[in-house]
């Protein structure tokens, strides 16, 4: 009977033993799989500082030539020379196109000959000034008049002495008056001839200009943008032959939003970039400010002068510019390394004891190795600047 009772009890114990073992094993395994606390992230901290900083107006614009001209022919004729091509650098006064000068040279020689003939008639030497008494005809008339005067004076004295008759005296006086009239007439004729000389000299000047105009010259230093004629073409007066643009300096035409109109003035520095030279900055200075806003854009047009001695900038390039405002205002600055940007959102991690607190911030101006925080951080708060990408809100740091 005892054996019958022990056997079921033993069987029950044997059946329960695996369950106990399993429970113990499960408890032991769970204790081993519990994660350990993560180690503290080593960081460096810097305090946010407040200081006056330069403010900039951000805008866009287009590079334009300082000077641009469609040069036209000033006289008609056949083109005999065109020594420039598109892209040729030219200095002020350089030859662009030459027109045949055969006709103008002949006209110049004719005008010079006419002027020289009148000068010789008036007794004017090379570069000499006009004197009416130096004209040969005037000199002859003057001599005749003086002779008649002396003869009349002699006859008058003889008449007083009753040596000659009154009729002879009157004849000599008439001769003297006739000589005086001839003298005055000769002076008037010489004066008229001098006026004719002035007209002849004017024709010489016109002919000389016409001869010089057969060479079309660059009005300023620049680069040939386009040549519109070739050798053999016939051009007329006023016909465009070459387009020249000045590339040093250039202008950058900018559009300033209405709210910044009061902050723009002549003389302010401008810094800009172009897509053709990424990372390179170019500098200029505001020189022209439009007196009125563009009604359609509600914006002000501003032009800055930009040096371009190396010629890397080209008219037509799109520019992204910053115009420095004259007054500096306070701003909160932190090292650039303290700001983590992701998906268009900027954040910093404020060190608070042994852990960090995540802050979503808005950034402003960048000055050297510092960046302005316009929203989300106060001056004096300490932010992590090392291992920022390993941080998250609440993580412990050392």
Protein backbone atom coordinates (compact mmCIF):
# COMPACT_ATOMS: atom_id res chain seq x y z
CA UNK A 1 0.00 0.00 0.00
CA UNK A 2 2.84 2.39 0.80
CA UNK A 3 4.41 1.59 -2.53
CA UNK A 4 1.17 2.46 -4.26
CA UNK A 5 1.03 5.87 -2.56
CA UNK A 6 4.72 6.74 -3.19
CA UNK A 7 4.63 5.97 -6.88
CA UNK A 8 2.05 8.65 -7.86
CA UNK A 9 3.84 11.22 -5.69
CA UNK A 10 7.14 10.40 -7.30
CA UNK A 11 5.59 10.64 -10.71
CA UNK A 12 4.20 14.09 -9.91
CA UNK A 13 7.58 15.30 -8.71
CA UNK A 14 9.25 13.97 -11.81
CA UNK A 15 6.72 15.80 -13.98
CA UNK A 16 7.18 19.08 -12.11
CA UNK A 17 10.97 19.01 -12.18
CA UNK A 18 11.32 20.18 -15.84
CA UNK A 19 8.92 23.08 -15.21
CA UNK A 20 10.95 24.28 -12.25
CA UNK A 21 14.15 23.89 -14.20
CA UNK A 22 12.66 25.81 -17.10
CA UNK A 23 11.46 28.58 -14.83
CA UNK A 24 14.87 28.90 -13.21
CA UNK A 25 16.62 28.83 -16.53
CA UNK A 26 14.27 31.50 -17.89
CA UNK A 27 14.89 33.75 -14.92
CA UNK A 28 18.63 33.40 -15.27
CA UNK A 29 18.59 34.15 -19.04
CA UNK A 30 16.45 37.26 -18.59
CA UNK A 31 18.88 38.64 -16.06
CA UNK A 32 21.78 38.18 -18.45
CA UNK A 33 20.00 39.94 -21.47
CA UNK A 34 19.21 43.25 -19.69
CA UNK A 35 21.03 46.15 -21.62
CA UNK A 36 23.70 48.06 -19.78
CA UNK A 37 23.44 51.88 -19.49
CA UNK A 38 25.12 53.64 -22.54
CA UNK A 39 28.44 55.37 -21.83
CA UNK A 40 28.53 59.16 -21.60
CA UNK A 41 29.50 60.96 -24.82
CA UNK A 42 32.64 63.07 -24.51
CA UNK A 43 31.92 66.64 -25.63
CA UNK A 44 33.47 70.10 -25.61
CA UNK A 45 31.32 73.03 -24.61
CA UNK A 46 31.35 76.72 -25.54
CA UNK A 47 29.23 79.55 -24.21
CA UNK A 48 26.98 81.51 -26.55
CA UNK A 49 28.20 85.12 -26.66
CA UNK A 50 26.40 88.33 -27.56
CA UNK A 51 28.19 90.98 -29.59
CA UNK A 52 27.48 93.59 -32.32
CA UNK A 53 27.65 92.05 -35.77
CA UNK A 54 27.41 93.32 -39.34
CA UNK A 55 24.07 92.78 -41.04
CA UNK A 56 23.65 92.05 -44.72
CA UNK A 57 20.87 92.44 -47.25
CA UNK A 58 20.74 89.31 -49.38
CA UNK A 59 19.72 89.87 -52.97
CA UNK A 60 20.30 88.68 -56.52
CA UNK A 61 21.21 90.40 -59.74
CA UNK A 62 22.99 90.31 -63.07
CA UNK A 63 26.42 91.46 -64.19
CA UNK A 64 26.40 94.17 -66.85
CA UNK A 65 29.12 96.00 -68.78
CA UNK A 66 30.12 99.40 -67.48
CA UNK A 67 30.07 100.70 -71.05
CA UNK A 68 28.57 99.26 -74.22
CA UNK A 69 28.42 100.78 -77.69
CA UNK A 70 27.36 99.81 -81.19
CA UNK A 71 30.04 101.66 -83.15
CA UNK A 72 28.88 103.06 -86.49
CA UNK A 73 30.70 104.23 -89.59
CA UNK A 74 30.90 108.02 -89.90
CA UNK A 75 31.48 108.01 -93.64
CA UNK A 76 30.40 105.79 -96.50
CA UNK A 77 32.66 103.58 -98.57
CA UNK A 78 34.04 100.11 -99.20
CA UNK A 79 35.49 98.21 -96.24
CA UNK A 80 39.16 97.49 -96.94
CA UNK A 81 40.25 96.20 -93.52
CA UNK A 82 38.59 94.62 -90.46
CA UNK A 83 41.37 93.52 -88.09
CA UNK A 84 39.17 92.56 -85.10
CA UNK A 85 37.08 89.50 -84.31
CA UNK A 86 34.57 88.56 -81.63
CA UNK A 87 36.41 88.49 -78.29
CA UNK A 88 39.29 90.72 -79.41
CA UNK A 89 40.48 93.01 -76.61
CA UNK A 90 40.89 96.57 -77.82
CA UNK A 91 42.23 99.75 -76.28
CA UNK A 92 40.61 103.15 -76.55
CA UNK A 93 41.13 104.48 -80.09
CA UNK A 94 42.14 101.11 -81.56
CA UNK A 95 41.27 100.50 -85.22
CA UNK A 96 38.14 98.38 -85.69
CA UNK A 97 37.26 98.80 -89.37
CA UNK A 98 38.91 100.77 -92.20
CA UNK A 99 36.94 102.20 -95.14
CA UNK A 100 38.52 103.18 -98.46
CA UNK A 101 39.86 106.75 -98.20
CA UNK A 102 40.62 107.50 -101.87
CA UNK A 103 37.77 109.97 -102.31
CA UNK A 104 38.17 111.68 -98.94
CA UNK A 105 41.93 112.05 -99.41
CA UNK A 106 41.38 113.75 -102.77
CA UNK A 107 38.83 116.11 -101.23
CA UNK A 108 41.28 116.94 -98.46
CA UNK A 109 44.04 117.81 -100.95
CA UNK A 110 41.69 120.03 -102.91
CA UNK A 111 40.57 121.90 -99.79
CA UNK A 112 44.17 122.36 -98.63
CA UNK A 113 45.18 123.72 -102.04
CA UNK A 114 42.34 126.26 -102.04
CA UNK A 115 43.25 127.42 -98.56
CA UNK A 116 46.93 127.72 -99.47
CA UNK A 117 46.07 129.79 -102.56
CA UNK A 118 44.11 132.31 -100.50
CA UNK A 119 46.84 132.45 -97.86
CA UNK A 120 49.42 133.27 -100.53
CA UNK A 121 47.17 136.01 -101.93
CA UNK A 122 46.88 137.50 -98.46
CA UNK A 123 50.59 137.17 -97.75
CA UNK A 124 50.07 134.78 -94.83
CA UNK A 125 53.03 132.48 -94.26
CA UNK A 126 53.02 129.02 -92.67
CA UNK A 127 51.22 129.45 -89.38
CA UNK A 128 51.28 133.24 -89.73
CA UNK A 129 48.57 135.60 -88.48
CA UNK A 130 46.47 137.82 -90.74
CA UNK A 131 47.36 141.52 -91.03
CA UNK A 132 45.46 143.63 -93.51
CA UNK A 133 48.43 145.94 -94.11
CA UNK A 134 50.57 142.94 -95.09
CA UNK A 135 48.39 142.16 -98.12
CA UNK A 136 50.27 143.15 -101.32
CA UNK A 137 47.29 144.91 -102.92
CA UNK A 138 46.73 146.87 -99.73
CA UNK A 139 50.39 147.80 -99.53
CA UNK A 140 50.33 149.14 -103.12
CA UNK A 141 47.16 151.12 -102.48
CA UNK A 142 48.60 152.49 -99.27
CA UNK A 143 51.78 153.60 -101.03
CA UNK A 144 49.77 155.37 -103.74
CA UNK A 145 47.66 157.08 -101.11
CA UNK A 146 50.70 158.26 -99.16
CA UNK A 147 52.30 159.58 -102.38
CA UNK A 148 49.13 161.46 -103.25
CA UNK A 149 49.05 162.90 -99.75
CA UNK A 150 52.61 164.19 -99.99
CA UNK A 151 51.95 165.67 -103.46
CA UNK A 152 48.85 167.41 -102.20
CA UNK A 153 50.72 168.78 -99.19
CA UNK A 154 53.43 170.15 -101.52
CA UNK A 155 50.89 171.75 -103.89
CA UNK A 156 49.02 173.24 -100.96
CA UNK A 157 52.18 174.97 -99.71
CA UNK A 158 52.90 176.28 -103.23
CA UNK A 159 49.35 177.57 -103.49
CA UNK A 160 49.88 179.55 -100.30
CA UNK A 161 52.90 181.08 -101.94
CA UNK A 162 50.89 181.84 -105.08
CA UNK A 163 53.19 179.63 -107.16
CA UNK A 164 50.53 177.22 -108.51
CA UNK A 165 46.98 177.83 -109.57
CA UNK A 166 43.85 176.87 -107.68
CA UNK A 167 42.86 174.39 -110.37
CA UNK A 168 46.10 172.44 -109.99
CA UNK A 169 45.54 172.42 -106.25
CA UNK A 170 42.03 171.02 -106.70
CA UNK A 171 43.31 168.36 -109.12
CA UNK A 172 45.91 167.15 -106.63
CA UNK A 173 43.27 166.98 -103.90
CA UNK A 174 41.01 164.90 -106.13
CA UNK A 175 43.87 162.53 -106.88
CA UNK A 176 44.57 162.17 -103.14
CA UNK A 177 40.90 161.34 -102.43
CA UNK A 178 40.88 158.76 -105.22
CA UNK A 179 44.02 157.13 -103.77
CA UNK A 180 42.44 157.07 -100.33
CA UNK A 181 39.34 155.36 -101.74
CA UNK A 182 41.49 152.77 -103.50
CA UNK A 183 43.33 152.14 -100.25
CA UNK A 184 40.09 151.61 -98.32
CA UNK A 185 38.73 149.42 -101.08
CA UNK A 186 41.90 147.29 -101.02
CA UNK A 187 41.59 146.82 -97.24
CA UNK A 188 37.93 145.80 -97.57
CA UNK A 189 38.80 143.33 -100.32
CA UNK A 190 41.59 141.86 -98.17
CA UNK A 191 39.20 141.47 -95.26
CA UNK A 192 36.70 139.66 -97.48
CA UNK A 193 39.45 137.39 -98.76
CA UNK A 194 40.39 136.57 -95.17
CA UNK A 195 36.79 135.52 -94.49
CA UNK A 196 37.02 133.32 -97.60
CA UNK A 197 40.20 131.86 -96.12
CA UNK A 198 38.33 131.07 -92.92
CA UNK A 199 35.71 129.19 -94.95
CA UNK A 200 38.44 127.37 -96.87
CA UNK A 201 40.13 126.36 -93.63
CA UNK A 202 36.79 125.06 -92.33
CA UNK A 203 36.48 122.96 -95.49
CA UNK A 204 39.98 121.64 -94.85
CA UNK A 205 38.98 120.66 -91.33
CA UNK A 206 35.86 118.89 -92.61
CA UNK A 207 37.85 117.10 -95.30
CA UNK A 208 40.50 116.11 -92.78
CA UNK A 209 37.80 114.75 -90.44
CA UNK A 210 36.17 112.86 -93.31
CA UNK A 211 39.53 111.31 -94.12
CA UNK A 212 40.10 110.37 -90.47
CA UNK A 213 36.56 108.95 -90.21
CA UNK A 214 37.42 106.29 -92.76
CA UNK A 215 38.99 104.48 -89.78
CA UNK A 216 36.36 103.36 -87.25
CA UNK A 217 37.98 103.36 -83.81
CA UNK A 218 37.05 101.93 -80.42
CA UNK A 219 35.41 104.59 -78.23
CA UNK A 220 36.78 102.98 -75.04
CA UNK A 221 38.86 100.03 -73.90
CA UNK A 222 36.95 96.78 -73.93
CA UNK A 223 36.19 93.59 -75.83
CA UNK A 224 34.63 93.20 -79.27
CA UNK A 225 31.26 91.54 -78.80
CA UNK A 226 30.35 91.37 -82.49
CA UNK A 227 31.71 92.44 -85.88
CA UNK A 228 28.90 93.19 -88.30
CA UNK A 229 30.81 93.78 -91.58
CA UNK A 230 33.50 92.04 -93.60
CA UNK A 231 36.13 93.23 -96.06
CA UNK A 232 34.44 94.19 -99.31
CA UNK A 233 31.14 95.25 -97.76
CA UNK A 234 29.87 98.73 -98.58
CA UNK A 235 28.89 100.79 -95.56
CA UNK A 236 26.95 104.02 -95.33
CA UNK A 237 27.21 106.81 -92.81
CA UNK A 238 25.58 105.76 -89.53
CA UNK A 239 25.68 102.03 -90.27
CA UNK A 240 26.62 99.85 -87.26
CA UNK A 241 29.83 97.93 -87.88
CA UNK A 242 31.16 96.69 -84.51
CA UNK A 243 29.75 96.19 -81.00
CA UNK A 244 32.17 96.86 -78.13
CA UNK A 245 31.62 96.25 -74.40
CA UNK A 246 33.70 97.48 -71.49
CA UNK A 247 34.51 94.65 -69.09
CA UNK A 248 36.69 96.38 -66.51
CA UNK A 249 35.04 97.43 -64.37
CA UNK A 250 31.64 95.76 -64.56
CA UNK A 251 28.34 96.66 -62.97
CA UNK A 252 26.21 94.27 -60.96
CA UNK A 253 22.57 95.29 -61.08
CA UNK A 254 20.77 94.18 -57.92
CA UNK A 255 17.14 94.16 -56.83
CA UNK A 256 16.63 95.19 -53.19
CA UNK A 257 13.29 94.36 -51.50
CA UNK A 258 11.12 97.27 -50.40
CA UNK A 259 11.67 96.73 -46.65
CA UNK A 260 15.43 97.31 -47.01
CA UNK A 261 15.26 100.52 -49.08
CA UNK A 262 16.22 102.73 -46.11
CA UNK A 263 19.34 100.62 -45.47
CA UNK A 264 20.89 101.08 -48.93
CA UNK A 265 23.16 104.00 -49.78
CA UNK A 266 25.96 104.88 -52.20
CA UNK A 267 29.35 103.65 -51.02
CA UNK A 268 28.22 100.49 -49.21
CA UNK A 269 30.37 97.38 -49.83
CA UNK A 270 28.90 94.47 -51.78
CA UNK A 271 30.09 90.86 -51.74
CA UNK A 272 28.71 88.42 -54.32
CA UNK A 273 29.21 84.98 -55.85
CA UNK A 274 28.51 83.55 -59.30
CA UNK A 275 27.77 79.95 -60.26
CA UNK A 276 30.69 79.91 -62.71
CA UNK A 277 33.21 80.15 -59.82
CA UNK A 278 31.70 78.31 -56.83
CA UNK A 279 33.17 79.29 -53.47
CA UNK A 280 34.90 82.39 -54.83
CA UNK A 281 33.75 85.79 -53.60
CA UNK A 282 33.93 89.04 -55.52
CA UNK A 283 33.70 92.53 -54.06
CA UNK A 284 32.20 95.77 -55.27
CA UNK A 285 30.77 99.05 -54.04
CA UNK A 286 27.32 100.58 -54.47
CA UNK A 287 27.56 103.52 -56.86
CA UNK A 288 24.05 104.04 -58.26
CA UNK A 289 20.70 103.87 -56.44
CA UNK A 290 17.48 104.21 -58.40
CA UNK A 291 15.32 107.17 -57.31
CA UNK A 292 12.12 105.08 -57.53
CA UNK A 293 10.95 101.51 -56.94
CA UNK A 294 9.88 99.14 -59.66
CA UNK A 295 6.09 99.10 -59.33
CA UNK A 296 5.70 95.52 -60.54
CA UNK A 297 8.29 94.06 -58.14
CA UNK A 298 8.03 96.56 -55.28
CA UNK A 299 11.81 96.61 -55.25
CA UNK A 300 14.65 99.09 -55.67
CA UNK A 301 17.28 98.77 -58.39
CA UNK A 302 20.85 99.23 -57.15
CA UNK A 303 24.07 99.09 -59.19
CA UNK A 304 27.51 98.35 -57.77
CA UNK A 305 30.84 98.80 -59.54
CA UNK A 306 32.98 95.66 -59.59
CA UNK A 307 36.70 95.57 -60.54
CA UNK A 308 37.43 92.92 -63.17
CA UNK A 309 41.12 93.28 -63.94
CA UNK A 310 41.65 89.56 -64.60
CA UNK A 311 38.59 89.42 -66.85
CA UNK A 312 37.09 86.30 -65.27
CA UNK A 313 33.66 87.88 -64.81
CA UNK A 314 31.44 88.10 -67.88
CA UNK A 315 28.44 90.34 -68.54
CA UNK A 316 25.22 88.39 -68.11
CA UNK A 317 26.35 86.18 -65.21
CA UNK A 318 23.80 85.68 -62.42
CA UNK A 319 25.03 86.93 -59.04
CA UNK A 320 23.98 86.20 -55.46
CA UNK A 321 25.01 89.20 -53.41
CA UNK A 322 25.13 90.60 -49.89
CA UNK A 323 25.03 94.33 -49.20
CA UNK A 324 26.48 95.26 -45.81
CA UNK A 325 24.21 97.50 -43.76
CA UNK A 326 25.81 100.59 -42.20
CA UNK A 327 24.78 99.86 -38.58
CA UNK A 328 25.82 96.88 -36.44
CA UNK A 329 23.29 95.31 -34.05
CA UNK A 330 23.77 92.74 -31.23
CA UNK A 331 23.50 89.03 -31.98
CA UNK A 332 24.03 85.72 -30.16
CA UNK A 333 26.95 83.77 -31.65
CA UNK A 334 28.12 80.15 -31.26
CA UNK A 335 30.81 78.14 -33.05
CA UNK A 336 29.70 76.71 -36.39
CA UNK A 337 30.61 73.21 -35.10
CA UNK A 338 27.85 73.50 -32.48
CA UNK A 339 25.07 73.59 -35.08
CA UNK A 340 23.79 70.31 -36.51
CA UNK A 341 21.66 70.63 -39.64
CA UNK A 342 19.36 67.90 -40.88
CA UNK A 343 16.46 68.03 -43.35
CA UNK A 344 16.49 71.80 -43.35
CA UNK A 345 16.33 72.03 -39.54
CA UNK A 346 19.14 73.41 -37.39
CA UNK A 347 19.64 72.31 -33.78
CA UNK A 348 22.12 72.76 -30.97
CA UNK A 349 22.64 70.77 -27.77
CA UNK A 350 22.72 72.77 -24.55
CA UNK A 351 24.90 71.19 -21.88
CA UNK A 352 22.86 70.93 -18.68
CA UNK A 353 24.84 69.14 -15.94
CA UNK A 354 25.65 65.60 -17.05
CA UNK A 355 23.27 65.55 -20.01
CA UNK A 356 22.31 67.66 -23.04
CA UNK A 357 19.08 69.33 -24.05
CA UNK A 358 18.19 69.54 -27.75
CA UNK A 359 17.13 72.97 -29.07
CA UNK A 360 15.68 73.74 -32.49
CA UNK A 361 17.23 77.06 -33.54
CA UNK A 362 17.14 79.60 -36.37
CA UNK A 363 20.47 80.75 -37.74
CA UNK A 364 21.44 84.16 -39.11
CA UNK A 365 24.72 85.70 -40.25
CA UNK A 366 27.95 83.71 -40.45
CA UNK A 367 31.05 85.57 -39.24
CA UNK A 368 34.32 83.72 -39.52
CA UNK A 369 33.99 80.51 -37.48
CA UNK A 370 30.84 81.71 -35.69
CA UNK A 371 27.18 81.61 -36.65
CA UNK A 372 24.39 83.79 -35.31
CA UNK A 373 21.45 82.16 -33.51
CA UNK A 374 18.43 84.40 -33.96
CA UNK A 375 15.93 82.16 -32.19
CA UNK A 376 16.09 79.27 -29.70
CA UNK A 377 19.18 80.15 -27.64
CA UNK A 378 20.20 82.79 -25.10
CA UNK A 379 23.57 84.38 -24.46
CA UNK A 380 25.55 82.57 -21.77
CA UNK A 381 24.11 79.09 -22.41
CA UNK A 382 26.74 76.45 -23.05
CA UNK A 383 26.46 74.31 -26.18
CA UNK A 384 28.28 71.16 -27.21
CA UNK A 385 30.83 71.65 -30.01
CA UNK A 386 32.32 68.14 -30.23
CA UNK A 387 30.69 64.84 -31.26
CA UNK A 388 27.49 66.78 -31.99
CA UNK A 389 26.31 64.16 -34.47
CA UNK A 390 26.32 61.53 -31.69
CA UNK A 391 24.02 63.51 -29.43
CA UNK A 392 20.29 63.40 -28.86
CA UNK A 393 17.96 64.99 -26.35
CA UNK A 394 18.73 63.76 -22.81
CA UNK A 395 21.94 61.86 -23.60
CA UNK A 396 24.52 61.91 -20.86
CA UNK A 397 27.80 63.64 -21.61
CA UNK A 398 31.15 64.09 -20.01
